[in-house]
Amino acid sequence: MIDQVLSRHSAALRVKITVKTLISVGVIALAVLLPQLIHLALGAPGGMQWLPMYLPVLLGGCLLGAIWGLGVGILSPVVSFAITSLAGDPMPALTRLPYMIVELAVFAAISGLFSRKIAQNGWMAFPAVLLAEVSGRLIFLAMAAIFQSVSPLSAALVWSQIQTGLLGLVLQAILVPFMVMGLRLLLIKDKE
């Protein structure tokens, strides 16, 4: 969506890259900070229920497109792990990190595939987010099933985590599209 808005403003490639980089950094920072706040307020169970890192990643995918979204999806858990490891309490845990990298990459890439459609019609953010969430969670479950013989995450444990986080996913399936539509209206209004 951002790319289409910048193109309407006849932004040069250098400006597009700068804007997308700044948005990516902001989204990644939010993906590191939001889980910390949720864990501080609600503990680890709150993080598993509300899935706070997912919201910024979905937002990043919708705004930035599939390629930039993919970068945000991969870097968000990696940066979070690196920063929180310095404090001695890595988040996500090392055993969960590879799964989160893949899952969030899928979240961002799938929602990012809808970015152009969202620029044309903001309501497209709803199927974008919903399809991204379902795809990401299915990938997480499939990876757990495939690697359960060598990983502490079994398919049964992952299924339990998916059920625990269902309320968070539903809430994000509503919040993220409305956030994207609001940003879209602001950016279009700016052009008019």
Foldseek 3Di string as FASTA:
>chain_A
DQVVLCVLVVHDPVVSVVVLVVLLVVLLVQLLPQLVVQCVVPNPLSCLAQVRSLLSLLLSLLAPAQPSSLVSQQVNLVVNQVVVVVVVDGPPDPLCNVLSNQLSSQLSNQLRNCNVVCLVPLVSSLVSNVVSNVVSLVSSLVVQCVCVVPGVRHSVNSVVSCVSHVVNSVVSSPPSSVVSNVVSVVSVVVSD
